[in-house]
N, C-alpha and C. Protein backbone atom coordinates (compact mmCIF):
# COMPACT_ATOMS: atom_id res chain seq x y z
N UNK A 1 77.78 102.41 101.44
CA UNK A 1 77.14 101.31 100.74
C UNK A 1 78.10 100.12 100.67
N UNK A 2 77.56 98.91 100.82
CA UNK A 2 78.39 97.71 100.79
C UNK A 2 78.76 97.35 99.35
N UNK A 3 79.83 96.56 99.23
CA UNK A 3 80.28 96.06 97.93
C UNK A 3 79.50 94.79 97.61
N UNK A 4 78.90 94.75 96.41
CA UNK A 4 78.12 93.59 96.00
C UNK A 4 78.68 93.02 94.70
N UNK A 5 78.39 91.75 94.46
CA UNK A 5 78.75 91.07 93.21
C UNK A 5 80.25 91.08 92.94
N UNK A 6 81.04 91.08 94.01
CA UNK A 6 82.49 90.97 93.91
C UNK A 6 82.91 89.82 94.82
N UNK A 7 83.76 88.90 94.35
CA UNK A 7 84.16 87.77 95.20
C UNK A 7 85.03 88.23 96.36
N UNK A 8 84.46 88.23 97.55
CA UNK A 8 85.15 88.71 98.74
C UNK A 8 84.55 88.05 99.97
N UNK A 9 85.26 88.08 101.10
CA UNK A 9 84.64 87.60 102.35
C UNK A 9 83.44 88.47 102.70
N UNK A 10 82.50 87.89 103.41
CA UNK A 10 81.32 88.63 103.86
C UNK A 10 81.57 89.23 105.24
N UNK A 11 81.09 90.44 105.43
CA UNK A 11 81.25 91.13 106.71
C UNK A 11 80.34 90.51 107.77
N UNK A 12 80.88 90.31 108.97
CA UNK A 12 80.09 89.77 110.09
C UNK A 12 79.85 90.86 111.14
N UNK A 13 80.94 91.43 111.66
CA UNK A 13 80.79 92.46 112.67
C UNK A 13 82.09 93.25 112.81
N UNK A 14 82.00 94.39 113.48
CA UNK A 14 83.19 95.20 113.73
C UNK A 14 83.26 95.56 115.20
N UNK A 15 84.48 95.77 115.69
CA UNK A 15 84.71 96.12 117.09
C UNK A 15 85.67 97.31 117.13
N UNK A 16 85.38 98.30 117.98
CA UNK A 16 86.26 99.45 118.18
C UNK A 16 86.74 99.47 119.62
N UNK A 17 87.99 99.92 119.85
CA UNK A 17 88.49 100.09 121.20
C UNK A 17 89.60 101.14 121.20
N UNK A 18 89.92 101.64 122.38
CA UNK A 18 90.98 102.63 122.53
C UNK A 18 92.24 101.96 123.03
N UNK A 19 93.39 102.38 122.49
CA UNK A 19 94.68 101.85 122.92
C UNK A 19 95.69 102.99 122.91
N UNK A 20 96.10 103.46 124.08
CA UNK A 20 97.05 104.57 124.21
C UNK A 20 96.59 105.80 123.44
N UNK A 21 95.32 106.08 123.50
CA UNK A 21 94.78 107.26 122.85
C UNK A 21 94.43 107.09 121.39
N UNK A 22 94.67 105.91 120.84
CA UNK A 22 94.34 105.64 119.44
C UNK A 22 93.07 104.81 119.36
N UNK A 23 92.24 105.13 118.38
CA UNK A 23 91.05 104.34 118.14
C UNK A 23 91.42 103.16 117.24
N UNK A 24 91.19 101.95 117.73
CA UNK A 24 91.50 100.73 116.98
C UNK A 24 90.20 100.11 116.46
N UNK A 25 90.30 99.44 115.35
CA UNK A 25 89.13 98.82 114.73
C UNK A 25 89.49 97.44 114.21
N UNK A 26 88.65 96.48 114.44
CA UNK A 26 88.83 95.14 113.89
C UNK A 26 87.51 94.70 113.27
N UNK A 27 87.62 94.06 112.11
CA UNK A 27 86.44 93.55 111.43
C UNK A 27 86.51 92.03 111.36
N UNK A 28 85.40 91.40 111.66
CA UNK A 28 85.29 89.95 111.52
C UNK A 28 84.61 89.66 110.18
N UNK A 29 85.28 88.79 109.39
CA UNK A 29 84.76 88.43 108.07
C UNK A 29 84.63 86.91 108.00
N UNK A 30 83.88 86.44 107.04
CA UNK A 30 83.77 85.00 106.83
C UNK A 30 85.12 84.45 106.35
N UNK A 31 85.38 83.20 106.68
CA UNK A 31 86.65 82.56 106.34
C UNK A 31 86.69 82.18 104.87
N UNK A 32 87.80 82.50 104.21
CA UNK A 32 88.05 82.09 102.83
C UNK A 32 89.09 80.98 102.87
N UNK A 33 88.77 79.83 102.29
CA UNK A 33 89.67 78.68 102.36
C UNK A 33 90.67 78.64 101.21
N UNK A 34 90.45 79.41 100.16
CA UNK A 34 91.36 79.41 99.02
C UNK A 34 92.73 79.98 99.42
N UNK A 35 93.82 79.41 98.92
CA UNK A 35 95.15 79.98 99.19
C UNK A 35 95.37 81.26 98.41
N UNK A 36 96.21 82.14 98.93
CA UNK A 36 96.55 83.36 98.22
C UNK A 36 97.51 83.04 97.07
N UNK A 37 97.50 83.90 96.06
CA UNK A 37 98.39 83.71 94.92
C UNK A 37 99.85 83.75 95.37
N UNK A 38 100.14 84.63 96.32
CA UNK A 38 101.50 84.77 96.87
C UNK A 38 101.40 84.97 98.37
N UNK A 39 102.47 84.65 99.07
CA UNK A 39 102.51 84.90 100.51
C UNK A 39 103.17 86.24 100.83
N UNK A 40 103.64 86.94 99.81
CA UNK A 40 104.26 88.25 100.00
C UNK A 40 103.75 89.21 98.94
N UNK A 41 104.06 90.50 99.13
CA UNK A 41 103.58 91.53 98.21
C UNK A 41 104.10 91.30 96.80
N UNK A 42 105.36 90.98 96.67
CA UNK A 42 105.97 90.82 95.35
C UNK A 42 106.03 89.35 94.93
N UNK A 43 105.95 89.15 93.64
CA UNK A 43 106.04 87.80 93.07
C UNK A 43 107.48 87.47 92.70
N UNK A 44 107.85 86.21 92.87
CA UNK A 44 109.16 85.74 92.43
C UNK A 44 109.06 84.76 91.27
N UNK A 45 107.84 84.34 90.96
CA UNK A 45 107.64 83.44 89.82
C UNK A 45 106.24 83.67 89.27
N UNK A 46 106.03 83.23 88.06
CA UNK A 46 104.73 83.42 87.41
C UNK A 46 103.72 82.45 88.02
N UNK A 47 102.62 82.94 88.53
CA UNK A 47 101.61 82.05 89.10
C UNK A 47 100.80 81.36 88.02
N UNK A 48 100.26 80.21 88.35
CA UNK A 48 99.40 79.48 87.41
C UNK A 48 97.96 79.96 87.61
N UNK A 49 97.49 80.76 86.68
CA UNK A 49 96.15 81.34 86.77
C UNK A 49 95.38 80.99 85.50
N UNK A 50 94.19 80.44 85.68
CA UNK A 50 93.37 80.04 84.55
C UNK A 50 92.79 81.26 83.84
N UNK A 51 92.40 81.07 82.60
CA UNK A 51 91.77 82.16 81.85
C UNK A 51 90.52 82.66 82.57
N UNK A 52 89.76 81.72 83.16
CA UNK A 52 88.56 82.12 83.89
C UNK A 52 88.90 83.03 85.06
N UNK A 53 90.04 82.79 85.70
CA UNK A 53 90.47 83.63 86.83
C UNK A 53 90.64 85.08 86.37
N UNK A 54 91.29 85.26 85.23
CA UNK A 54 91.49 86.61 84.71
C UNK A 54 90.16 87.26 84.34
N UNK A 55 89.27 86.49 83.76
CA UNK A 55 87.96 87.03 83.42
C UNK A 55 87.21 87.44 84.68
N UNK A 56 87.30 86.63 85.73
CA UNK A 56 86.64 86.95 86.99
C UNK A 56 87.23 88.20 87.62
N UNK A 57 88.55 88.35 87.53
CA UNK A 57 89.19 89.54 88.09
C UNK A 57 88.74 90.79 87.37
N UNK A 58 88.74 90.75 86.04
CA UNK A 58 88.31 91.92 85.27
C UNK A 58 86.86 92.29 85.59
N UNK A 59 86.01 91.27 85.69
CA UNK A 59 84.60 91.53 86.01
C UNK A 59 84.45 92.11 87.41
N UNK A 60 85.24 91.59 88.37
CA UNK A 60 85.17 92.10 89.74
C UNK A 60 85.58 93.56 89.81
N UNK A 61 86.66 93.91 89.11
CA UNK A 61 87.12 95.30 89.14
C UNK A 61 86.12 96.23 88.45
N UNK A 62 85.49 95.75 87.39
CA UNK A 62 84.49 96.56 86.71
C UNK A 62 83.27 96.80 87.61
N UNK A 63 82.81 95.76 88.29
CA UNK A 63 81.67 95.92 89.20
C UNK A 63 82.02 96.82 90.36
N UNK A 64 83.21 96.64 90.90
CA UNK A 64 83.64 97.45 92.02
C UNK A 64 83.72 98.92 91.62
N UNK A 65 84.20 99.20 90.42
CA UNK A 65 84.33 100.59 89.95
C UNK A 65 82.99 101.30 89.92
N UNK A 66 81.90 100.54 89.76
CA UNK A 66 80.57 101.14 89.67
C UNK A 66 79.86 101.20 91.02
N UNK A 67 80.53 100.79 92.09
CA UNK A 67 79.92 100.80 93.42
C UNK A 67 79.70 102.23 93.90
N UNK A 68 78.57 102.47 94.52
CA UNK A 68 78.30 103.79 95.08
C UNK A 68 78.77 103.87 96.53
N UNK A 69 79.61 104.84 96.85
CA UNK A 69 80.11 105.01 98.21
C UNK A 69 80.70 106.40 98.36
N UNK A 70 80.77 106.88 99.60
CA UNK A 70 81.47 108.14 99.86
C UNK A 70 82.85 107.90 100.45
N UNK A 71 83.30 106.64 100.47
CA UNK A 71 84.64 106.34 100.95
C UNK A 71 85.68 106.86 99.97
N UNK A 72 86.80 107.34 100.49
CA UNK A 72 87.90 107.86 99.67
C UNK A 72 89.17 107.10 100.01
N UNK A 73 89.82 106.56 98.99
CA UNK A 73 91.07 105.83 99.19
C UNK A 73 92.29 106.69 98.94
N UNK A 74 92.21 107.57 97.94
CA UNK A 74 93.35 108.40 97.56
C UNK A 74 92.84 109.72 97.01
N UNK A 75 93.52 110.81 97.35
CA UNK A 75 93.10 112.14 96.88
C UNK A 75 94.17 112.72 95.95
N UNK A 76 93.75 113.71 95.16
CA UNK A 76 94.63 114.31 94.16
C UNK A 76 95.89 114.89 94.78
N UNK A 77 95.76 115.52 95.95
CA UNK A 77 96.91 116.17 96.58
C UNK A 77 98.02 115.17 96.88
N UNK A 78 97.66 113.97 97.29
CA UNK A 78 98.67 112.95 97.59
C UNK A 78 99.40 112.51 96.31
N UNK A 79 98.66 112.42 95.23
CA UNK A 79 99.27 112.04 93.95
C UNK A 79 100.26 113.11 93.51
N UNK A 80 99.82 114.37 93.55
CA UNK A 80 100.70 115.48 93.14
C UNK A 80 101.97 115.50 93.97
N UNK A 81 101.83 115.40 95.30
CA UNK A 81 102.97 115.53 96.19
C UNK A 81 103.96 114.39 96.01
N UNK A 82 103.48 113.16 95.96
CA UNK A 82 104.39 112.01 95.87
C UNK A 82 105.18 112.02 94.58
N UNK A 83 104.51 112.28 93.46
CA UNK A 83 105.21 112.28 92.17
C UNK A 83 106.23 113.40 92.12
N UNK A 84 105.86 114.57 92.62
CA UNK A 84 106.81 115.69 92.60
C UNK A 84 108.01 115.42 93.50
N UNK A 85 107.77 114.91 94.72
CA UNK A 85 108.87 114.66 95.65
C UNK A 85 109.79 113.56 95.16
N UNK A 86 109.23 112.54 94.53
CA UNK A 86 110.05 111.41 94.09
C UNK A 86 110.86 111.71 92.84
N UNK A 87 110.24 112.43 91.89
CA UNK A 87 110.87 112.60 90.59
C UNK A 87 111.15 114.06 90.23
N UNK A 88 110.74 115.00 91.09
CA UNK A 88 110.93 116.40 90.77
C UNK A 88 110.19 116.79 89.51
N UNK A 89 109.10 116.10 89.25
CA UNK A 89 108.40 116.25 87.98
C UNK A 89 107.54 117.50 87.96
N UNK A 90 107.47 118.11 86.80
CA UNK A 90 106.61 119.28 86.63
C UNK A 90 105.46 119.00 85.67
N UNK A 91 105.20 117.74 85.40
CA UNK A 91 104.12 117.38 84.49
C UNK A 91 102.77 117.58 85.17
N UNK A 92 101.72 117.64 84.38
CA UNK A 92 100.37 117.73 84.90
C UNK A 92 99.97 116.36 85.45
N UNK A 93 99.72 116.27 86.73
CA UNK A 93 99.36 114.98 87.36
C UNK A 93 97.88 114.92 87.72
N UNK A 94 97.09 115.76 87.09
CA UNK A 94 95.66 115.79 87.38
C UNK A 94 94.96 114.54 86.84
N UNK A 95 94.25 113.85 87.72
CA UNK A 95 93.49 112.66 87.34
C UNK A 95 92.15 113.10 86.76
N UNK A 96 91.75 112.51 85.66
CA UNK A 96 90.49 112.88 85.03
C UNK A 96 89.36 111.89 85.30
N UNK A 97 89.70 110.65 85.62
CA UNK A 97 88.67 109.63 85.82
C UNK A 97 88.89 108.92 87.15
N UNK A 98 87.97 109.14 88.08
CA UNK A 98 88.03 108.52 89.40
C UNK A 98 87.01 107.39 89.48
N UNK A 99 87.42 106.28 90.09
CA UNK A 99 86.54 105.12 90.21
C UNK A 99 86.65 104.58 91.64
N UNK A 100 85.78 103.64 91.97
CA UNK A 100 85.88 102.94 93.24
C UNK A 100 86.77 101.72 93.05
N UNK A 101 87.73 101.54 93.94
CA UNK A 101 88.65 100.42 93.83
C UNK A 101 88.97 99.79 95.17
N UNK A 102 89.75 98.74 95.14
CA UNK A 102 90.13 97.99 96.34
C UNK A 102 91.13 98.76 97.19
N UNK A 103 92.14 99.34 96.55
CA UNK A 103 93.09 100.19 97.26
C UNK A 103 94.35 99.49 97.75
N UNK A 104 94.34 98.17 97.85
CA UNK A 104 95.54 97.45 98.30
C UNK A 104 95.62 96.12 97.56
N UNK A 105 95.45 96.19 96.26
CA UNK A 105 95.37 94.98 95.46
C UNK A 105 96.77 94.52 95.07
N UNK A 106 97.23 93.46 95.70
CA UNK A 106 98.49 92.82 95.32
C UNK A 106 98.29 91.32 95.45
N UNK A 107 99.33 90.57 95.13
CA UNK A 107 99.15 89.12 94.95
C UNK A 107 98.93 88.37 96.25
N UNK A 108 99.24 88.96 97.38
CA UNK A 108 98.94 88.32 98.66
C UNK A 108 97.51 88.62 99.12
N UNK A 109 96.81 89.49 98.38
CA UNK A 109 95.41 89.79 98.69
C UNK A 109 94.46 89.23 97.65
N UNK A 110 94.96 88.33 96.80
CA UNK A 110 94.15 87.64 95.80
C UNK A 110 94.32 86.14 95.99
N UNK A 111 93.25 85.39 95.82
CA UNK A 111 93.33 83.94 95.96
C UNK A 111 93.18 83.26 94.61
N UNK A 112 93.63 82.00 94.55
CA UNK A 112 93.50 81.16 93.36
C UNK A 112 93.58 79.70 93.83
N UNK A 113 92.97 78.76 93.11
CA UNK A 113 92.41 78.92 91.77
C UNK A 113 91.07 79.66 91.73
N UNK A 114 90.32 79.69 92.82
CA UNK A 114 89.09 80.47 92.83
C UNK A 114 89.39 81.86 93.34
N UNK A 115 88.92 82.87 92.64
CA UNK A 115 89.26 84.25 92.98
C UNK A 115 88.44 84.79 94.14
N UNK A 116 89.16 85.33 95.13
CA UNK A 116 88.58 86.19 96.16
C UNK A 116 89.51 87.38 96.34
N UNK A 117 88.96 88.53 96.62
CA UNK A 117 89.74 89.73 96.96
C UNK A 117 89.69 89.90 98.46
N UNK A 118 90.85 89.94 99.11
CA UNK A 118 90.96 90.01 100.56
C UNK A 118 91.41 91.40 101.01
N UNK A 119 91.25 91.69 102.30
CA UNK A 119 91.82 92.88 102.95
C UNK A 119 91.23 94.17 102.38
N UNK A 120 90.09 94.56 102.90
CA UNK A 120 89.32 95.67 102.35
C UNK A 120 89.43 96.95 103.16
N UNK A 121 90.53 97.16 103.87
CA UNK A 121 90.69 98.35 104.70
C UNK A 121 90.67 99.64 103.89
N UNK A 122 91.21 99.61 102.68
CA UNK A 122 91.50 100.85 101.95
C UNK A 122 90.60 101.10 100.74
N UNK A 123 89.51 100.39 100.61
CA UNK A 123 88.70 100.55 99.41
C UNK A 123 88.00 101.91 99.41
N UNK A 124 87.78 102.42 98.20
CA UNK A 124 87.13 103.71 98.06
C UNK A 124 87.50 104.37 96.74
N UNK A 125 87.29 105.67 96.66
CA UNK A 125 87.54 106.42 95.43
C UNK A 125 89.02 106.55 95.16
N UNK A 126 89.41 106.32 93.91
CA UNK A 126 90.81 106.36 93.51
C UNK A 126 90.90 106.57 92.01
N UNK A 127 92.09 106.89 91.49
CA UNK A 127 92.23 107.04 90.03
C UNK A 127 91.98 105.73 89.30
N UNK A 128 91.44 105.82 88.10
CA UNK A 128 91.32 104.63 87.27
C UNK A 128 92.69 104.00 87.10
N UNK A 129 92.75 102.68 87.28
CA UNK A 129 93.98 101.95 87.04
C UNK A 129 94.86 101.73 88.25
N UNK A 130 94.48 102.28 89.41
CA UNK A 130 95.38 102.15 90.56
C UNK A 130 95.50 100.70 91.03
N UNK A 131 94.38 99.98 91.09
CA UNK A 131 94.46 98.57 91.49
C UNK A 131 95.33 97.78 90.53
N UNK A 132 95.11 97.97 89.24
CA UNK A 132 95.91 97.27 88.23
C UNK A 132 97.37 97.66 88.32
N UNK A 133 97.64 98.93 88.64
CA UNK A 133 99.02 99.41 88.75
C UNK A 133 99.77 98.70 89.87
N UNK A 134 99.08 98.41 90.97
CA UNK A 134 99.75 97.71 92.07
C UNK A 134 100.04 96.26 91.71
N UNK A 135 99.16 95.63 90.96
CA UNK A 135 99.44 94.27 90.49
C UNK A 135 100.64 94.27 89.54
N UNK A 136 100.68 95.25 88.65
CA UNK A 136 101.79 95.38 87.71
C UNK A 136 103.11 95.60 88.45
N UNK A 137 103.12 96.52 89.40
CA UNK A 137 104.36 96.86 90.10
C UNK A 137 104.85 95.71 90.97
N UNK A 138 103.93 94.98 91.58
CA UNK A 138 104.35 93.90 92.48
C UNK A 138 104.79 92.65 91.72
N UNK A 139 104.73 92.69 90.39
CA UNK A 139 105.23 91.58 89.56
C UNK A 139 106.54 91.95 88.87
N UNK A 140 107.24 92.97 89.37
CA UNK A 140 108.41 93.49 88.65
C UNK A 140 109.53 92.47 88.52
N UNK A 141 109.60 91.48 89.40
CA UNK A 141 110.68 90.49 89.34
C UNK A 141 110.44 89.44 88.25
N UNK A 142 109.26 89.41 87.69
CA UNK A 142 108.95 88.48 86.60
C UNK A 142 108.44 89.32 85.43
N UNK A 143 109.36 89.93 84.68
CA UNK A 143 109.00 90.91 83.65
C UNK A 143 107.98 90.40 82.62
N UNK A 144 108.09 89.13 82.22
CA UNK A 144 107.15 88.61 81.22
C UNK A 144 105.73 88.62 81.79
N UNK A 145 105.60 88.33 83.06
CA UNK A 145 104.28 88.34 83.68
C UNK A 145 103.77 89.77 83.85
N UNK A 146 104.67 90.69 84.17
CA UNK A 146 104.27 92.10 84.25
C UNK A 146 103.75 92.58 82.90
N UNK A 147 104.38 92.12 81.82
CA UNK A 147 103.90 92.47 80.48
C UNK A 147 102.53 91.85 80.22
N UNK A 148 102.32 90.63 80.71
CA UNK A 148 101.01 89.99 80.54
C UNK A 148 99.93 90.77 81.29
N UNK A 149 100.26 91.23 82.51
CA UNK A 149 99.31 92.03 83.28
C UNK A 149 98.94 93.30 82.51
N UNK A 150 99.95 93.95 81.94
CA UNK A 150 99.71 95.17 81.17
C UNK A 150 98.80 94.90 79.99
N UNK A 151 98.98 93.76 79.33
CA UNK A 151 98.15 93.42 78.18
C UNK A 151 96.72 93.07 78.61
N UNK A 152 96.60 92.29 79.67
CA UNK A 152 95.27 91.85 80.11
C UNK A 152 94.45 93.00 80.71
N UNK A 153 95.12 93.91 81.38
CA UNK A 153 94.43 95.03 82.03
C UNK A 153 94.72 96.34 81.32
N UNK A 154 94.91 96.25 80.00
CA UNK A 154 95.31 97.40 79.20
C UNK A 154 94.39 98.60 79.34
N UNK A 155 93.05 98.44 79.35
CA UNK A 155 92.20 99.62 79.48
C UNK A 155 92.50 100.46 80.71
N UNK A 156 92.91 99.80 81.80
CA UNK A 156 93.22 100.53 83.03
C UNK A 156 94.67 100.98 83.11
N UNK A 157 95.57 100.30 82.43
CA UNK A 157 97.00 100.59 82.60
C UNK A 157 97.61 101.46 81.51
N UNK A 158 97.01 101.49 80.34
CA UNK A 158 97.62 102.22 79.24
C UNK A 158 96.99 103.58 78.98
N UNK A 159 95.86 103.88 79.62
CA UNK A 159 95.28 105.22 79.51
C UNK A 159 96.11 106.20 80.35
N UNK A 160 95.88 107.49 80.18
CA UNK A 160 96.67 108.47 80.92
C UNK A 160 96.53 108.30 82.44
N UNK A 161 95.31 108.11 82.93
CA UNK A 161 95.13 107.93 84.37
C UNK A 161 95.81 106.65 84.86
N UNK A 162 95.81 105.61 84.03
CA UNK A 162 96.51 104.39 84.40
C UNK A 162 98.00 104.59 84.49
N UNK A 163 98.55 105.38 83.58
CA UNK A 163 99.98 105.69 83.65
C UNK A 163 100.30 106.55 84.87
N UNK A 164 99.42 107.49 85.19
CA UNK A 164 99.60 108.29 86.41
C UNK A 164 99.55 107.40 87.65
N UNK A 165 98.66 106.42 87.64
CA UNK A 165 98.56 105.49 88.77
C UNK A 165 99.84 104.68 88.91
N UNK A 166 100.38 104.22 87.79
CA UNK A 166 101.64 103.48 87.85
C UNK A 166 102.78 104.37 88.32
N UNK A 167 102.77 105.61 87.86
CA UNK A 167 103.82 106.55 88.28
C UNK A 167 103.73 106.83 89.77
N UNK A 168 102.51 106.96 90.29
CA UNK A 168 102.33 107.20 91.73
C UNK A 168 102.82 106.01 92.55
N UNK A 169 102.52 104.79 92.10
CA UNK A 169 102.99 103.60 92.80
C UNK A 169 104.52 103.57 92.81
N UNK A 170 105.14 103.88 91.68
CA UNK A 170 106.60 103.93 91.60
C UNK A 170 107.16 105.02 92.52
N UNK A 171 106.50 106.17 92.55
CA UNK A 171 106.95 107.27 93.39
C UNK A 171 106.96 106.86 94.86
N UNK A 172 105.97 106.13 95.28
CA UNK A 172 105.93 105.70 96.68
C UNK A 172 107.06 104.75 97.01
N UNK A 173 107.45 103.91 96.07
CA UNK A 173 108.60 103.01 96.29
C UNK A 173 109.89 103.84 96.44
N UNK A 174 110.06 104.82 95.57
CA UNK A 174 111.25 105.66 95.63
C UNK A 174 111.30 106.44 96.95
N UNK A 175 110.17 107.00 97.36
CA UNK A 175 110.13 107.77 98.60
C UNK A 175 110.34 106.89 99.82
N UNK A 176 109.80 105.68 99.78
CA UNK A 176 110.00 104.75 100.89
C UNK A 176 111.46 104.40 101.10
N UNK A 177 112.17 104.15 100.00
CA UNK A 177 113.61 103.84 100.08
C UNK A 177 114.38 105.05 100.57
N UNK A 178 113.96 106.23 100.14
CA UNK A 178 114.64 107.46 100.57
C UNK A 178 114.50 107.65 102.08
N UNK A 179 113.33 107.38 102.61
CA UNK A 179 113.11 107.52 104.06
C UNK A 179 113.93 106.49 104.84
N UNK A 180 114.02 105.28 104.30
CA UNK A 180 114.78 104.22 104.99
C UNK A 180 116.27 104.37 104.80
N UNK A 181 116.69 105.13 103.78
CA UNK A 181 118.10 105.27 103.48
C UNK A 181 118.70 104.03 102.88
N UNK A 182 117.86 103.23 102.22
CA UNK A 182 118.35 101.97 101.65
C UNK A 182 117.52 101.62 100.43
N UNK A 183 118.19 101.48 99.29
CA UNK A 183 117.51 101.10 98.05
C UNK A 183 117.48 99.58 97.91
N UNK A 184 116.50 99.09 97.18
CA UNK A 184 116.36 97.66 96.90
C UNK A 184 116.17 97.47 95.40
N UNK A 185 116.07 96.21 94.97
CA UNK A 185 115.80 95.97 93.56
C UNK A 185 114.44 96.54 93.17
N UNK A 186 113.50 96.54 94.11
CA UNK A 186 112.19 97.12 93.83
C UNK A 186 112.29 98.63 93.64
N UNK A 187 113.16 99.27 94.44
CA UNK A 187 113.36 100.71 94.29
C UNK A 187 113.95 101.04 92.93
N UNK A 188 114.96 100.27 92.52
CA UNK A 188 115.59 100.53 91.23
C UNK A 188 114.61 100.34 90.09
N UNK A 189 113.80 99.31 90.17
CA UNK A 189 112.77 99.11 89.15
C UNK A 189 111.81 100.29 89.12
N UNK A 190 111.37 100.73 90.30
CA UNK A 190 110.41 101.84 90.39
C UNK A 190 111.01 103.12 89.82
N UNK A 191 112.28 103.37 90.09
CA UNK A 191 112.92 104.58 89.58
C UNK A 191 113.00 104.54 88.05
N UNK A 192 113.43 103.42 87.52
CA UNK A 192 113.56 103.30 86.06
C UNK A 192 112.18 103.36 85.40
N UNK A 193 111.23 102.58 85.91
CA UNK A 193 109.90 102.58 85.32
C UNK A 193 109.25 103.95 85.43
N UNK A 194 109.49 104.63 86.54
CA UNK A 194 108.94 105.97 86.71
C UNK A 194 109.47 106.95 85.69
N UNK A 195 110.74 106.86 85.38
CA UNK A 195 111.33 107.75 84.38
C UNK A 195 110.75 107.48 82.99
N UNK A 196 110.49 106.23 82.67
CA UNK A 196 109.87 105.88 81.40
C UNK A 196 108.45 106.46 81.34
N UNK A 197 107.70 106.30 82.42
CA UNK A 197 106.33 106.81 82.46
C UNK A 197 106.31 108.34 82.38
N UNK A 198 107.25 108.98 83.05
CA UNK A 198 107.33 110.45 82.97
C UNK A 198 107.51 110.90 81.53
N UNK A 199 108.37 110.23 80.80
CA UNK A 199 108.61 110.59 79.41
C UNK A 199 107.33 110.40 78.58
N UNK A 200 106.60 109.32 78.86
CA UNK A 200 105.37 109.08 78.11
C UNK A 200 104.29 110.08 78.44
N UNK A 201 104.29 110.59 79.68
CA UNK A 201 103.24 111.50 80.13
C UNK A 201 103.57 112.97 79.82
N UNK A 202 104.80 113.25 79.47
CA UNK A 202 105.22 114.63 79.23
C UNK A 202 104.66 115.17 77.90
């Protein structure tokens, strides 16, 4: 089923082809002229976003959560494995509330001053709060703004599933640095924030 009543580009057509044994897919969407909030995943400064923008975002995520689809963005096994591998945690990581979400919601996939949600490759079923968790994590360099995100999206970020979503996002940062053999400021933030969330979830 298609996504309705959410500010996004409209689907035009899709093309599939083979490349070295891999199936490739490209989707043509209508052009969005609004600039993105950021040109990169992480923010380095607080963006200027109107109150209406935040209201539109909350409404879009609520409508998206109620969309009917059989698409899956994230499964329980991936959550369990990532959190355990990153933190050696033995807490219960079972998600109780699954919703439909964007799956790759960060500041380079959101536009302003008029809101559009871009890049819909990963939308589908996911834990409550996962989209909000990615916005929170990608604002780690501007702590006051990360706190504002937590306050504005509190229903999704402060519930148990929201904390599990934030912990999973942090776990992926830790595991990514481990694979590369190189830590960054984002890794250190993820490790510290993950330890705080583990204590809250225990």
